[in-house]
N, C-alpha and C. Protein backbone atom coordinates (compact mmCIF):
# COMPACT_ATOMS: atom_id res chain seq x y z
N MET A 1 -24.03 -4.99 -33.53
CA MET A 1 -22.78 -5.72 -33.03
C MET A 1 -21.59 -4.76 -33.76
N LYS A 2 -22.07 -4.54 -35.45
CA LYS A 2 -21.04 -4.30 -36.54
C LYS A 2 -20.63 -3.03 -35.89
N GLU A 3 -21.75 -2.39 -35.36
CA GLU A 3 -21.16 -0.90 -35.29
C GLU A 3 -20.28 -0.49 -33.88
N ALA A 4 -20.81 -1.56 -33.12
CA ALA A 4 -19.96 -1.71 -31.75
C ALA A 4 -18.44 -1.68 -32.45
N VAL A 5 -17.86 -2.85 -32.96
CA VAL A 5 -16.79 -2.97 -33.35
C VAL A 5 -16.05 -1.99 -34.25
N THR A 6 -17.07 -1.39 -35.14
CA THR A 6 -16.43 -0.56 -35.75
C THR A 6 -16.06 1.14 -34.83
N LYS A 7 -16.91 0.82 -33.77
CA LYS A 7 -16.83 2.42 -33.00
C LYS A 7 -15.42 1.89 -32.57
N LEU A 8 -15.28 0.63 -31.85
CA LEU A 8 -14.16 -0.08 -31.06
C LEU A 8 -13.10 0.40 -31.88
N LYS A 9 -13.11 -0.10 -33.40
CA LYS A 9 -11.56 -0.18 -33.93
C LYS A 9 -11.22 1.45 -33.89
N ALA A 10 -12.07 2.53 -34.35
CA ALA A 10 -12.05 3.72 -34.61
C ALA A 10 -11.42 4.47 -33.04
N GLU A 11 -12.07 3.91 -31.89
CA GLU A 11 -11.00 4.60 -30.96
C GLU A 11 -9.60 4.03 -30.78
N PHE A 12 -9.65 2.71 -31.07
CA PHE A 12 -8.55 1.92 -31.01
C PHE A 12 -7.30 2.93 -32.00
N ASN A 13 -8.00 3.22 -33.25
CA ASN A 13 -7.17 3.81 -34.20
C ASN A 13 -6.69 5.16 -33.50
N ALA A 14 -7.55 5.77 -32.85
CA ALA A 14 -7.01 7.42 -32.54
C ALA A 14 -6.58 7.00 -31.69
N LYS A 15 -6.48 6.49 -30.42
CA LYS A 15 -5.41 6.18 -29.38
C LYS A 15 -4.18 5.88 -29.87
N LEU A 16 -3.97 5.21 -31.02
CA LEU A 16 -2.73 4.67 -31.24
C LEU A 16 -2.14 5.61 -31.87
N LEU A 17 -2.86 6.37 -32.93
CA LEU A 17 -2.07 8.05 -33.66
C LEU A 17 -2.00 8.80 -32.32
N TYR A 18 -2.58 9.01 -31.34
CA TYR A 18 -1.87 10.21 -30.13
C TYR A 18 -0.76 9.47 -29.83
N TRP A 19 -0.45 8.17 -29.42
CA TRP A 19 0.66 7.43 -29.03
C TRP A 19 1.73 7.25 -29.97
N ASN A 20 1.46 7.22 -31.38
CA ASN A 20 2.29 7.80 -32.25
C ASN A 20 3.02 9.18 -32.34
N ASN A 21 2.12 9.89 -31.92
CA ASN A 21 2.55 11.32 -31.95
C ASN A 21 2.92 12.29 -31.11
N LEU A 22 3.39 11.11 -29.71
CA LEU A 22 3.93 11.33 -28.35
C LEU A 22 5.30 11.68 -29.02
N LYS A 23 6.20 12.80 -28.96
CA LYS A 23 7.59 12.93 -28.90
C LYS A 23 8.22 12.45 -28.03
N SER A 24 7.59 12.97 -26.61
CA SER A 24 8.28 12.47 -25.57
C SER A 24 8.33 11.33 -24.71
N SER A 25 9.54 10.58 -24.71
CA SER A 25 9.71 9.55 -24.04
C SER A 25 9.16 9.35 -22.55
N LYS A 26 9.40 10.96 -22.12
CA LYS A 26 8.91 10.67 -20.41
C LYS A 26 7.31 11.02 -20.49
N ALA A 27 6.76 11.64 -21.45
CA ALA A 27 5.63 11.49 -21.30
C ALA A 27 5.10 10.07 -21.85
N LYS A 28 5.52 9.28 -22.65
CA LYS A 28 5.16 7.96 -22.88
C LYS A 28 5.22 6.84 -21.68
N ALA A 29 6.76 6.95 -20.79
CA ALA A 29 6.84 6.74 -19.90
C ALA A 29 5.76 6.58 -18.69
N ALA A 30 5.39 8.21 -18.68
CA ALA A 30 4.42 8.52 -17.21
C ALA A 30 3.19 7.43 -17.73
N ILE A 31 2.56 7.68 -19.00
CA ILE A 31 1.67 6.91 -19.73
C ILE A 31 1.26 5.58 -18.83
N ILE A 32 2.68 4.98 -19.46
CA ILE A 32 2.89 3.37 -19.18
C ILE A 32 2.63 3.30 -17.68
N LEU A 33 3.33 4.13 -16.66
CA LEU A 33 3.63 4.20 -15.44
C LEU A 33 2.04 4.24 -15.03
N LEU A 34 1.31 5.31 -15.21
CA LEU A 34 -0.22 5.21 -15.04
C LEU A 34 -0.95 4.22 -15.11
N PHE A 35 -0.60 3.78 -16.57
CA PHE A 35 -1.69 2.42 -16.56
C PHE A 35 -1.16 1.13 -15.77
N LEU A 36 -0.20 1.11 -15.41
CA LEU A 36 0.55 0.08 -14.58
C LEU A 36 -0.29 0.26 -13.15
N VAL A 37 -0.21 1.50 -12.88
CA VAL A 37 -0.72 1.88 -11.29
C VAL A 37 -2.20 1.46 -11.22
N VAL A 38 -2.74 1.71 -12.36
CA VAL A 38 -4.30 1.48 -12.11
C VAL A 38 -4.53 0.21 -12.17
N ILE A 39 -4.03 -0.35 -12.95
CA ILE A 39 -4.27 -1.50 -12.90
C ILE A 39 -3.94 -2.44 -11.57
N ALA A 40 -2.60 -2.06 -11.05
CA ALA A 40 -2.52 -2.78 -9.68
C ALA A 40 -3.50 -2.49 -8.73
N LEU A 41 -3.59 -0.93 -8.95
CA LEU A 41 -4.79 -0.50 -7.81
C LEU A 41 -6.20 -1.68 -8.09
N LYS A 42 -6.30 -1.56 -9.06
CA LYS A 42 -7.52 -2.79 -9.16
C LYS A 42 -7.65 -3.85 -8.49
N VAL A 43 -6.49 -4.39 -8.79
CA VAL A 43 -5.87 -5.77 -8.53
C VAL A 43 -5.81 -5.67 -7.05
N PHE A 44 -5.46 -4.94 -6.11
CA PHE A 44 -4.97 -5.04 -4.68
C PHE A 44 -6.42 -4.68 -3.99
N THR A 45 -7.30 -3.75 -4.73
CA THR A 45 -8.73 -3.46 -4.08
C THR A 45 -9.23 -4.69 -4.01
N THR A 46 -9.41 -5.29 -5.22
CA THR A 46 -10.05 -6.44 -5.46
C THR A 46 -9.69 -7.52 -4.79
N ILE A 47 -8.54 -7.70 -4.19
CA ILE A 47 -7.99 -8.94 -3.26
C ILE A 47 -8.52 -8.25 -1.79
N PHE A 48 -8.29 -7.20 -1.58
CA PHE A 48 -8.35 -6.75 -0.06
C PHE A 48 -10.06 -6.55 0.18
N THR A 49 -11.04 -6.55 -0.99
CA THR A 49 -12.39 -6.41 -0.70
C THR A 49 -12.75 -8.00 -0.48
N LEU A 50 -12.35 -8.80 -1.54
CA LEU A 50 -12.68 -10.17 -1.22
C LEU A 50 -11.98 -11.12 -0.07
N ASP A 51 -11.07 -10.65 0.31
CA ASP A 51 -10.66 -11.01 1.69
C ASP A 51 -11.44 -10.39 2.80
N TRP A 52 -12.00 -8.91 2.84
CA TRP A 52 -12.67 -8.97 3.80
C TRP A 52 -14.02 -9.65 3.81
N VAL A 53 -14.63 -9.71 2.75
CA VAL A 53 -15.81 -10.26 2.55
C VAL A 53 -15.84 -11.90 2.85
N ALA A 54 -14.61 -12.65 2.64
CA ALA A 54 -14.31 -14.02 2.99
C ALA A 54 -14.19 -13.89 4.64
N SER A 55 -14.04 -13.17 5.18
CA SER A 55 -13.69 -13.18 6.70
C SER A 55 -14.82 -12.75 7.24
N LEU A 56 -15.87 -12.14 6.66
CA LEU A 56 -17.38 -11.86 7.46
C LEU A 56 -17.84 -13.15 7.32
N PHE A 57 -17.43 -14.38 6.35
CA PHE A 57 -18.30 -15.60 6.30
C PHE A 57 -17.60 -16.80 7.03
N ASN A 58 -16.63 -16.04 7.78
CA ASN A 58 -15.62 -17.17 8.31
C ASN A 58 -15.92 -17.20 10.07
N VAL A 59 -16.66 -16.27 10.41
CA VAL A 59 -17.18 -15.63 11.53
C VAL A 59 -18.05 -16.92 12.36
């Protein structure tokens, strides 16, 4: 468990270092937009899938 937490902290620090080294605000905006799009896609896909499954049992 301790190794997993250490690995997670190391990965987070690496991502934070990458983010802090980005000088381009366009690149930062693109990464944020991509992150939001992926989250929105996962949410909408889950909603539509569950709606479809619910309609199967509604018959």
